[in-house]
C-alpha atoms as a PDB file:
ATOM      1  CA  MET A   1     213.329  94.399 -11.744  1.00  0.00           C
ATOM      2  CA  ARG A   2     212.866  97.527 -13.856  1.00  0.00           C
ATOM      3  CA  ALA A   3     210.551  95.562 -16.150  1.00  0.00           C
ATOM      4  CA  LEU A   4     208.416  94.643 -13.138  1.00  0.00           C
ATOM      5  CA  ALA A   5     208.272  98.300 -12.076  1.00  0.00           C
ATOM      6  CA  ASP A   6     207.218  99.274 -15.595  1.00  0.00           C
ATOM      7  CA  PHE A   7     204.470  96.631 -15.482  1.00  0.00           C
ATOM      8  CA  ILE A   8     203.246  97.919 -12.106  1.00  0.00           C
ATOM      9  CA  MET A   9     202.957 101.483 -13.377  1.00  0.00           C
ATOM     10  CA  ARG A  10     201.008 100.568 -16.515  1.00  0.00           C
ATOM     11  CA  GLY A  11     197.731 100.787 -14.632  1.00  0.00           C
ATOM     12  CA  ARG A  12     195.763  99.927 -11.522  1.00  0.00           C
ATOM     13  CA  VAL A  13     194.954  96.410 -12.688  1.00  0.00           C
ATOM     14  CA  GLN A  14     198.589  95.524 -13.216  1.00  0.00           C
ATOM     15  CA  ALA A  15     199.640  97.119  -9.926  1.00  0.00           C
ATOM     16  CA  THR A  16     196.860  95.332  -8.051  1.00  0.00           C
ATOM     17  CA  LEU A  17     197.860  91.980  -9.527  1.00  0.00           C
ATOM     18  CA  VAL A  18     201.452  92.370  -8.355  1.00  0.00           C
ATOM     19  CA  VAL A  19     200.476  93.597  -4.887  1.00  0.00           C
ATOM     20  CA  VAL A  20     197.916  90.838  -4.300  1.00  0.00           C
ATOM     21  CA  ILE A  21     199.841  87.914  -5.814  1.00  0.00           C
ATOM     22  CA  SER A  22     203.108  88.764  -4.036  1.00  0.00           C
ATOM     23  CA  ALA A  23     201.207  89.167  -0.745  1.00  0.00           C
ATOM     24  CA  VAL A  24     199.786  85.662  -1.100  1.00  0.00           C
ATOM     25  CA  LEU A  25     203.004  83.934  -2.182  1.00  0.00           C
ATOM     26  CA  PRO A  26     205.244  82.771   0.675  1.00  0.00           C
ATOM     27  CA  LEU A  27     208.152  85.091   1.580  1.00  0.00           C
ATOM     28  CA  LEU A  28     207.231  87.706  -1.047  1.00  0.00           C
ATOM     29  CA  PHE A  29     205.254  90.037   1.235  1.00  0.00           C
ATOM     30  CA  TRP A  30     208.101  92.597   0.938  1.00  0.00           C
ATOM     31  CA  LEU A  31     207.524  92.732  -2.826  1.00  0.00           C
ATOM     32  CA  SER A  32     203.846  93.498  -2.228  1.00  0.00           C
ATOM     33  CA  ALA A  33     204.836  96.366   0.080  1.00  0.00           C
ATOM     34  CA  ALA A  34     207.346  97.690  -2.463  1.00  0.00           C
ATOM     35  CA  ALA A  35     204.831  97.588  -5.324  1.00  0.00           C
ATOM     36  CA  GLY A  36     202.153  99.387  -3.321  1.00  0.00           C
ATOM     37  CA  SER A  37     204.679 101.971  -2.162  1.00  0.00           C
ATOM     38  CA  LEU A  38     205.803 102.612  -5.746  1.00  0.00           C
ATOM     39  CA  VAL A  39     202.262 103.528  -6.731  1.00  0.00           C
ATOM     40  CA  LEU A  40     201.894 105.700  -3.637  1.00  0.00           C
ATOM     41  CA  LEU A  41     205.195 107.489  -4.238  1.00  0.00           C
ATOM     42  CA  ARG A  42     204.420 108.260  -7.852  1.00  0.00           C
ATOM     43  CA  ARG A  43     200.649 108.718  -7.945  1.00  0.00           C
ATOM     44  CA  GLY A  44     199.707 109.716  -4.386  1.00  0.00           C
ATOM     45  CA  PHE A  45     197.246 108.153  -1.971  1.00  0.00           C
ATOM     46  CA  LYS A  46     194.121 108.964  -4.000  1.00  0.00           C
ATOM     47  CA  ASP A  47     195.235 106.960  -7.037  1.00  0.00           C
ATOM     48  CA  ALA A  48     196.917 104.297  -4.921  1.00  0.00           C
ATOM     49  CA  SER A  49     193.985 103.724  -2.567  1.00  0.00           C
ATOM     50  CA  THR A  50     192.328 101.065  -4.727  1.00  0.00           C
ATOM     51  CA  VAL A  51     195.568  99.136  -5.147  1.00  0.00           C
ATOM     52  CA  ILE A  52     196.276  99.371  -1.406  1.00  0.00           C
ATOM     53  CA  ALA A  53     192.755  98.256  -0.509  1.00  0.00           C
ATOM     54  CA  PHE A  54     193.036  95.093  -2.600  1.00  0.00           C
ATOM     55  CA  GLY A  55     196.487  94.439  -1.149  1.00  0.00           C
ATOM     56  CA  LEU A  56     195.130  94.661   2.382  1.00  0.00           C
ATOM     57  CA  LEU A  57     192.618  91.870   1.794  1.00  0.00           C
ATOM     58  CA  PRO A  58     195.094  88.961   1.551  1.00  0.00           C
ATOM     59  CA  ALA A  59     197.252  90.551   4.256  1.00  0.00           C
ATOM     60  CA  VAL A  60     194.312  90.587   6.681  1.00  0.00           C
ATOM     61  CA  ALA A  61     193.421  87.018   5.713  1.00  0.00           C
ATOM     62  CA  ILE A  62     196.984  85.864   6.403  1.00  0.00           C
ATOM     63  CA  TRP A  63     196.848  87.569   9.811  1.00  0.00           C
ATOM     64  CA  ALA A  64     193.641  85.641  10.518  1.00  0.00           C
ATOM     65  CA  PHE A  65     195.652  82.458  10.012  1.00  0.00           C
ATOM     66  CA  GLY A  66     198.174  83.629  12.605  1.00  0.00           C
ATOM     67  CA  ASP A  67     200.851  85.566  10.678  1.00  0.00           C
ATOM     68  CA  PRO A  68     200.650  89.365  11.031  1.00  0.00           C
ATOM     69  CA  SER A  69     203.950  90.086   9.244  1.00  0.00           C
ATOM     70  CA  THR A  70     202.455  90.652   5.767  1.00  0.00           C
ATOM     71  CA  LEU A  71     199.990  93.276   6.976  1.00  0.00           C
ATOM     72  CA  LEU A  72     202.503  94.931   9.305  1.00  0.00           C
ATOM     73  CA  VAL A  73     205.162  95.310   6.616  1.00  0.00           C
ATOM     74  CA  LEU A  74     202.640  96.502   4.036  1.00  0.00           C
ATOM     75  CA  LEU A  75     201.166  99.194   6.285  1.00  0.00           C
ATOM     76  CA  GLY A  76     204.542 100.145   7.729  1.00  0.00           C
ATOM     77  CA  THR A  77     206.167 100.547   4.324  1.00  0.00           C
ATOM     78  CA  LEU A  78     203.241 102.584   3.038  1.00  0.00           C
ATOM     79  CA  GLY A  79     203.508 104.858   6.076  1.00  0.00           C
ATOM     80  CA  LEU A  80     207.211 105.446   5.441  1.00  0.00           C
ATOM     81  CA  ALA A  81     206.491 106.009   1.746  1.00  0.00           C
ATOM     82  CA  ALA A  82     203.919 108.670   2.654  1.00  0.00           C
ATOM     83  CA  LEU A  83     206.582 110.493   4.669  1.00  0.00           C
ATOM     84  CA  LEU A  84     209.048 110.281   1.802  1.00  0.00           C
ATOM     85  CA  ARG A  85     206.487 111.526  -0.709  1.00  0.00           C
ATOM     86  CA  ALA A  86     205.670 114.444   1.619  1.00  0.00           C
ATOM     87  CA  GLY A  87     209.254 115.637   1.231  1.00  0.00           C
ATOM     88  CA  HIS A  88     210.809 114.385   4.449  1.00  0.00           C
ATOM     89  CA  SER A  89     214.476 113.429   4.338  1.00  0.00           C
ATOM     90  CA  TRP A  90     215.728 109.862   4.444  1.00  0.00           C
ATOM     91  CA  SER A  91     217.189 110.484   7.889  1.00  0.00           C
ATOM     92  CA  ARG A  92     213.751 111.432   9.211  1.00  0.00           C
ATOM     93  CA  VAL A  93     212.156 108.471   7.465  1.00  0.00           C
ATOM     94  CA  LEU A  94     214.681 106.110   9.044  1.00  0.00           C
ATOM     95  CA  MET A  95     214.086 107.667  12.452  1.00  0.00           C
ATOM     96  CA  SER A  96     210.382 107.010  11.935  1.00  0.00           C
ATOM     97  CA  SER A  97     211.212 103.379  11.241  1.00  0.00           C
ATOM     98  CA  VAL A  98     212.441 103.118  14.860  1.00  0.00           C
ATOM     99  CA  VAL A  99     208.929 103.977  16.023  1.00  0.00           C
ATOM    100  CA  LEU A 100     207.659 101.465  13.507  1.00  0.00           C
ATOM    101  CA  GLY A 101     209.872  98.775  15.038  1.00  0.00           C
ATOM    102  CA  LEU A 102     208.476  99.576  18.480  1.00  0.00           C
ATOM    103  CA  VAL A 103     204.895  99.328  17.191  1.00  0.00           C
ATOM    104  CA  TYR A 104     205.731  96.021  15.519  1.00  0.00           C
ATOM    105  CA  SER A 105     207.093  94.655  18.799  1.00  0.00           C
ATOM    106  CA  LEU A 106     203.974  95.652  20.742  1.00  0.00           C
ATOM    107  CA  ILE A 107     201.697  93.998  18.191  1.00  0.00           C
ATOM    108  CA  LEU A 108     203.836  90.860  17.928  1.00  0.00           C
ATOM    109  CA  ASP A 109     204.039  90.529  21.703  1.00  0.00           C
ATOM    110  CA  THR A 110     200.251  90.728  21.907  1.00  0.00           C
ATOM    111  CA  VAL A 111     199.324  88.545  18.937  1.00  0.00           C
ATOM    112  CA  LEU A 112     202.079  85.909  19.134  1.00  0.00           C
ATOM    113  CA  ARG A 113     202.793  85.874  22.861  1.00  0.00           C
ATOM    114  CA  GLU A 114     202.118  82.152  23.277  1.00  0.00           C
ATOM    115  CA  THR A 115     204.380  81.331  20.336  1.00  0.00           C
ATOM    116  CA  PHE A 116     207.238  83.396  21.738  1.00  0.00           C
ATOM    117  CA  GLU A 117     206.798  81.822  25.173  1.00  0.00           C
ATOM    118  CA  VAL A 118     207.099  78.340  23.685  1.00  0.00           C
ATOM    119  CA  LEU A 119     210.213  79.360  21.728  1.00  0.00           C
ATOM    120  CA  ALA A 120     211.718  80.995  24.811  1.00  0.00           C
ATOM    121  CA  LYS A 121     211.252  77.818  26.888  1.00  0.00           C
ATOM    122  CA  ALA A 122     212.829  75.719  24.139  1.00  0.00           C
ATOM    123  CA  LEU A 123     215.816  78.073  23.908  1.00  0.00           C
ATOM    124  CA  VAL A 124     216.308  78.054  27.679  1.00  0.00           C
ATOM    125  CA  GLN A 125     216.643  74.290  27.541  1.00  0.00           C
ATOM    126  CA  ALA A 126     218.910  74.380  24.472  1.00  0.00           C
ATOM    127  CA  LEU A 127     221.307  77.106  25.622  1.00  0.00           C
ATOM    128  CA  PRO A 128     224.498  76.085  27.403  1.00  0.00           C
ATOM    129  CA  GLN A 129     224.424  76.537  31.148  1.00  0.00           C
ATOM    130  CA  ILE A 130     226.915  77.777  33.714  1.00  0.00           C
ATOM    131  CA  GLU A 131     226.446  76.465  37.258  1.00  0.00           C
ATOM    132  CA  GLY A 132     222.963  75.273  36.376  1.00  0.00           C
ATOM    133  CA  LYS A 133     221.853  78.600  34.871  1.00  0.00           C
ATOM    134  CA  PRO A 134     221.555  79.498  31.161  1.00  0.00           C
ATOM    135  CA  VAL A 135     224.145  81.925  29.787  1.00  0.00           C
ATOM    136  CA  ILE A 136     221.275  84.291  28.942  1.00  0.00           C
ATOM    137  CA  PRO A 137     218.718  84.936  31.713  1.00  0.00           C
ATOM    138  CA  GLY A 138     215.427  83.257  30.890  1.00  0.00           C
ATOM    139  CA  GLU A 139     213.442  86.449  31.465  1.00  0.00           C
ATOM    140  CA  LEU A 140     215.396  88.171  28.675  1.00  0.00           C
ATOM    141  CA  ILE A 141     214.992  85.501  26.007  1.00  0.00           C
ATOM    142  CA  GLY A 142     211.327  86.343  25.298  1.00  0.00           C
ATOM    143  CA  PRO A 143     211.919  90.102  24.853  1.00  0.00           C
ATOM    144  CA  VAL A 144     214.970  89.393  22.699  1.00  0.00           C
ATOM    145  CA  LEU A 145     212.925  87.120  20.423  1.00  0.00           C
ATOM    146  CA  VAL A 146     210.206  89.752  20.091  1.00  0.00           C
ATOM    147  CA  ALA A 147     212.759  92.506  19.485  1.00  0.00           C
ATOM    148  CA  SER A 148     214.674  90.549  16.848  1.00  0.00           C
ATOM    149  CA  THR A 149     211.463  89.700  14.984  1.00  0.00           C
ATOM    150  CA  ALA A 150     210.219  93.288  15.144  1.00  0.00           C
ATOM    151  CA  VAL A 151     213.538  94.695  13.912  1.00  0.00           C
ATOM    152  CA  MET A 152     213.577  92.162  11.094  1.00  0.00           C
ATOM    153  CA  LEU A 153     210.155  93.432   9.994  1.00  0.00           C
ATOM    154  CA  GLN A 154     211.458  96.982  10.355  1.00  0.00           C
ATOM    155  CA  LEU A 155     214.330  96.074   8.029  1.00  0.00           C
ATOM    156  CA  PHE A 156     211.933  94.516   5.518  1.00  0.00           C
ATOM    157  CA  SER A 157     209.851  97.720   5.582  1.00  0.00           C
ATOM    158  CA  VAL A 158     212.855  99.962   4.955  1.00  0.00           C
ATOM    159  CA  LEU A 159     214.255  97.717   2.214  1.00  0.00           C
ATOM    160  CA  ALA A 160     210.838  97.531   0.517  1.00  0.00           C
ATOM    161  CA  LEU A 161     210.668 101.328   0.581  1.00  0.00           C
ATOM    162  CA  MET A 162     214.161 101.557  -0.887  1.00  0.00           C
ATOM    163  CA  LEU A 163     213.184  99.154  -3.652  1.00  0.00           C
ATOM    164  CA  ALA A 164     210.092 101.237  -4.418  1.00  0.00           C
ATOM    165  CA  ARG A 165     212.195 104.418  -4.505  1.00  0.00           C
ATOM    166  CA  TYR A 166     214.757 102.700  -6.733  1.00  0.00           C
ATOM    167  CA  TRP A 167     211.993 101.655  -9.117  1.00  0.00           C
ATOM    168  CA  GLN A 168     210.614 105.190  -9.147  1.00  0.00           C
ATOM    169  CA  ALA A 169     214.000 106.628  -9.992  1.00  0.00           C
ATOM    170  CA  ALA A 170     214.715 103.957 -12.618  1.00  0.00           C
ATOM    171  CA  LEU A 171     211.488 104.818 -14.430  1.00  0.00           C
ATOM    172  CA  TYR A 172     211.394 108.597 -14.087  1.00  0.00           C
ATOM    173  CA  ASN A 173     214.818 109.849 -12.977  1.00  0.00           C
ATOM    174  CA  PRO A 174     217.630 107.348 -13.641  1.00  0.00           C
ATOM    175  CA  GLY A 175     220.351 107.543 -11.034  1.00  0.00           C
ATOM    176  CA  GLY A 176     218.226 109.605  -8.667  1.00  0.00           C
ATOM    177  CA  PHE A 177     217.976 106.991  -5.956  1.00  0.00           C
ATOM    178  CA  GLY A 178     221.715 106.371  -5.973  1.00  0.00           C
ATOM    179  CA  ARG A 179     222.448 110.059  -5.431  1.00  0.00           C
ATOM    180  CA  GLU A 180     219.747 110.248  -2.793  1.00  0.00           C
ATOM    181  CA  PHE A 181     221.007 107.225  -0.855  1.00  0.00           C
ATOM    182  CA  ARG A 182     224.684 108.143  -1.093  1.00  0.00           C
ATOM    183  CA  ALA A 183     223.877 111.568   0.372  1.00  0.00           C
ATOM    184  CA  LEU A 184     222.216 110.039   3.446  1.00  0.00           C
ATOM    185  CA  LYS A 185     223.838 111.381   6.601  1.00  0.00           C
ATOM    186  CA  LEU A 186     222.278 111.454  10.048  1.00  0.00           C
ATOM    187  CA  PRO A 187     222.140 114.904  11.687  1.00  0.00           C
ATOM    188  CA  ARG A 188     224.183 115.160  14.861  1.00  0.00           C
ATOM    189  CA  VAL A 189     221.149 115.445  17.137  1.00  0.00           C
ATOM    190  CA  THR A 190     219.550 112.419  15.510  1.00  0.00           C
ATOM    191  CA  MET A 191     222.737 110.400  15.872  1.00  0.00           C
ATOM    192  CA  LEU A 192     223.130 111.345  19.544  1.00  0.00           C
ATOM    193  CA  THR A 193     219.510 110.410  20.208  1.00  0.00           C
ATOM    194  CA  LEU A 194     219.977 106.997  18.615  1.00  0.00           C
ATOM    195  CA  VAL A 195     223.191 106.360  20.532  1.00  0.00           C
ATOM    196  CA  ALA A 196     221.548 107.367  23.818  1.00  0.00           C
ATOM    197  CA  VAL A 197     218.674 104.970  23.174  1.00  0.00           C
ATOM    198  CA  MET A 198     221.098 102.169  22.289  1.00  0.00           C
ATOM    199  CA  VAL A 199     223.152 102.686  25.444  1.00  0.00           C
ATOM    200  CA  LEU A 200     220.387 103.344  27.942  1.00  0.00           C
ATOM    201  CA  GLY A 201     217.511 101.290  26.506  1.00  0.00           C
ATOM    202  CA  PRO A 202     218.556  97.825  27.738  1.00  0.00           C
ATOM    203  CA  PHE A 203     219.183  99.164  31.262  1.00  0.00           C
ATOM    204  CA  ILE A 204     215.672 100.602  31.534  1.00  0.00           C
ATOM    205  CA  GLY A 205     213.975  97.249  31.043  1.00  0.00           C
ATOM    206  CA  PRO A 206     213.619  94.269  28.697  1.00  0.00           C
ATOM    207  CA  GLN A 207     210.832  95.976  26.764  1.00  0.00           C
ATOM    208  CA  PHE A 208     213.272  98.650  25.628  1.00  0.00           C
ATOM    209  CA  ILE A 209     215.587  96.166  23.935  1.00  0.00           C
ATOM    210  CA  VAL A 210     213.641  96.666  20.730  1.00  0.00           C
ATOM    211  CA  LEU A 211     214.354 100.418  20.794  1.00  0.00           C
ATOM    212  CA  ALA A 212     218.085  99.791  21.099  1.00  0.00           C
ATOM    213  CA  SER A 213     218.001  97.233  18.270  1.00  0.00           C
ATOM    214  CA  ALA A 214     215.851  99.407  15.997  1.00  0.00           C
ATOM    215  CA  SER A 215     218.117 102.412  16.614  1.00  0.00           C
ATOM    216  CA  SER A 216     221.246 100.432  15.773  1.00  0.00           C
ATOM    217  CA  LEU A 217     219.637  99.350  12.485  1.00  0.00           C
ATOM    218  CA  VAL A 218     219.243 102.999  11.436  1.00  0.00           C
ATOM    219  CA  LEU A 219     222.918 103.641  12.173  1.00  0.00           C
ATOM    220  CA  VAL A 220     223.936 100.564  10.186  1.00  0.00           C
ATOM    221  CA  LEU A 221     221.951 101.756   7.159  1.00  0.00           C
ATOM    222  CA  ALA A 222     223.598 105.183   7.474  1.00  0.00           C
ATOM    223  CA  GLY A 223     226.982 103.440   7.608  1.00  0.00           C
ATOM    224  CA  ILE A 224     226.185 101.528   4.427  1.00  0.00           C
ATOM    225  CA  ALA A 225     225.152 104.783   2.732  1.00  0.00           C
ATOM    226  CA  LEU A 226     228.491 106.281   3.802  1.00  0.00           C
ATOM    227  CA  MET A 227     230.384 103.406   2.194  1.00  0.00           C
ATOM    228  CA  HIS A 228     228.459 103.870  -1.055  1.00  0.00           C
ATOM    229  CA  GLY A 229     229.148 107.605  -0.965  1.00  0.00           C
ATOM    230  CA  LEU A 230     232.892 107.196  -0.418  1.00  0.00           C
ATOM    231  CA  VAL A 231     233.138 104.656  -3.243  1.00  0.00           C
ATOM    232  CA  ALA A 232     231.183 106.957  -5.589  1.00  0.00           C
ATOM    233  CA  GLN A 233     233.552 109.827  -4.747  1.00  0.00           C
ATOM    234  CA  GLY A 234     236.564 107.633  -5.441  1.00  0.00           C
ATOM    235  CA  ARG A 235     237.819 107.847  -1.863  1.00  0.00           C
ATOM    236  CA  LEU A 236     237.441 104.098  -1.455  1.00  0.00           C
ATOM    237  CA  ALA A 237     238.002 101.320  -3.966  1.00  0.00           C
ATOM    238  CA  GLY A 238     234.955  99.371  -5.074  1.00  0.00           C
ATOM    239  CA  PHE A 239     236.197  96.143  -3.506  1.00  0.00           C
ATOM    240  CA  TRP A 240     235.538  97.627  -0.043  1.00  0.00           C
ATOM    241  CA  LEU A 241     231.854  97.787  -0.905  1.00  0.00           C
ATOM    242  CA  VAL A 242     231.857  94.237  -2.233  1.00  0.00           C
ATOM    243  CA  GLY A 243     233.742  93.060   0.821  1.00  0.00           C
ATOM    244  CA  MET A 244     231.231  94.727   3.136  1.00  0.00           C
ATOM    245  CA  TYR A 245     228.252  92.972   1.562  1.00  0.00           C
ATOM    246  CA  VAL A 246     230.047  89.620   1.450  1.00  0.00           C
ATOM    247  CA  THR A 247     231.262  89.707   5.047  1.00  0.00           C
ATOM    248  CA  LEU A 248     228.178  91.304   6.638  1.00  0.00           C
ATOM    249  CA  PRO A 249     226.129  88.071   6.817  1.00  0.00           C
ATOM    250  CA  LEU A 250     229.232  85.981   7.598  1.00  0.00           C
ATOM    251  CA  ILE A 251     230.779  87.987  10.438  1.00  0.00           C
ATOM    252  CA  MET A 252     227.908  90.248  11.406  1.00  0.00           C
ATOM    253  CA  GLN A 253     229.182  90.498  14.995  1.00  0.00           C
ATOM    254  CA  LEU A 254     232.173  92.461  13.640  1.00  0.00           C
ATOM    255  CA  ILE A 255     230.828  94.336  10.601  1.00  0.00           C
ATOM    256  CA  TYR A 256     227.550  95.451  12.210  1.00  0.00           C
ATOM    257  CA  PRO A 257     229.151  97.449  15.064  1.00  0.00           C
ATOM    258  CA  LEU A 258     231.808  98.766  12.661  1.00  0.00           C
ATOM    259  CA  LEU A 259     229.096 100.273  10.439  1.00  0.00           C
ATOM    260  CA  VAL A 260     227.457 101.765  13.535  1.00  0.00           C
ATOM    261  CA  VAL A 261     230.731 103.439  14.510  1.00  0.00           C
ATOM    262  CA  LEU A 262     231.272 104.737  10.966  1.00  0.00           C
ATOM    263  CA  ALA A 263     227.805 106.319  10.953  1.00  0.00           C
ATOM    264  CA  ILE A 264     228.438 107.960  14.331  1.00  0.00           C
ATOM    265  CA  VAL A 265     231.804 109.388  13.257  1.00  0.00           C
ATOM    266  CA  ASP A 266     230.365 110.540   9.916  1.00  0.00           C
ATOM    267  CA  SER A 267     227.702 112.555  11.739  1.00  0.00           C
ATOM    268  CA  LEU A 268     230.481 114.347  13.618  1.00  0.00           C
ATOM    269  CA  ILE A 269     233.088 114.733  10.876  1.00  0.00           C
ATOM    270  CA  ASP A 270     231.195 114.363   7.549  1.00  0.00           C
ATOM    271  CA  PHE A 271     233.572 112.180   5.540  1.00  0.00           C
ATOM    272  CA  ARG A 272     231.901 112.971   2.239  1.00  0.00           C
ATOM    273  CA  GLY A 273     232.126 116.750   2.582  1.00  0.00           C
ATOM    274  CA  ARG A 274     229.430 119.330   2.072  1.00  0.00           C
ATOM    275  CA  LYS A 275     229.500 119.457  -1.712  1.00  0.00           C
ATOM    276  CA  SER A 276     226.242 118.167  -3.189  1.00  0.00           C
ATOM    277  CA  PRO A 277     226.484 115.672  -6.045  1.00  0.00           C
ATOM    278  CA  GLU A 278     225.703 116.933  -9.480  1.00  0.00           C
ATOM    279  CA  GLY A 279     222.290 116.367 -10.961  1.00  0.00           C
ATOM    280  CA  ASN A 280     218.802 116.127  -9.527  1.00  0.00           C
ATOM    281  CA  ASP A 281     219.056 114.685  -6.008  1.00  0.00           C
ATOM    282  CA  SER A 282     215.386 113.753  -5.874  1.00  0.00           C
ATOM    283  CA  ALA A 283     214.534 110.251  -6.991  1.00  0.00           C
ATOM    284  CA  ASN A 284     210.892 110.966  -7.782  1.00  0.00           C
ATOM    285  CA  GLY A 285     211.543 112.499 -11.195  1.00  0.00           C
ATOM    286  CA  GLU A 286     209.401 115.486 -10.344  1.00  0.00           C
ATOM    287  CA  GLY A 287     212.186 117.868  -9.312  1.00  0.00           C
END
């Protein structure tokens, strides 16, 4: 992956090729977003504008064929990258991704409403029923589908940004991204805001399900950063980190809320302590 990052940063032509080709290839739209964000993080919007413009062309064309995900993830990731380049902390960037998830849900609900309605009707018929009624109310299935899709795109945007930041650090400040990510800790006010949204959102109305889901994703990412930080400090053995990644997709119903709880407690207690890690904490290689 470092070789690909080096190829991207050789010039605008190389960067444009990667952004455009990965946007066109199925399931590689996240790579297009990461490549464009790498150029933006390192060179700024002025130098990256040409690369971004060419990347937008296939993304818009794919939307015209009915799939807005490529364009949404590309623009969303670039927006988060602009915040990161401007000097905002990872906690603020992740909080901004919650707004991004909400925007994604509004666009998806507008553009793909008929598709979600068809899927919702099919799921209502497929779900088990109790006394003639589905276990999940039919009026909630549509919003849940929209929310899950929007949060998935939110996750792709954040992961693409992390990949771009990792590439930037690998090229210009080795180890910088690791230190930056391991230091991620949500401020107490931010954590309380996310928890309040998670608890109250679903009770306000179906349309707020996406806010609760997007907020929980931020807490999960903070929990993962905590695990990395504790392992790096030697407070946890490395197998805990391996076990987390192995079990997360297998028993997500258990590991996901556990990471949420860890992030909440870390905001209150600060497991890793206040001592900053040695070296340059910035991953951009520019101090």
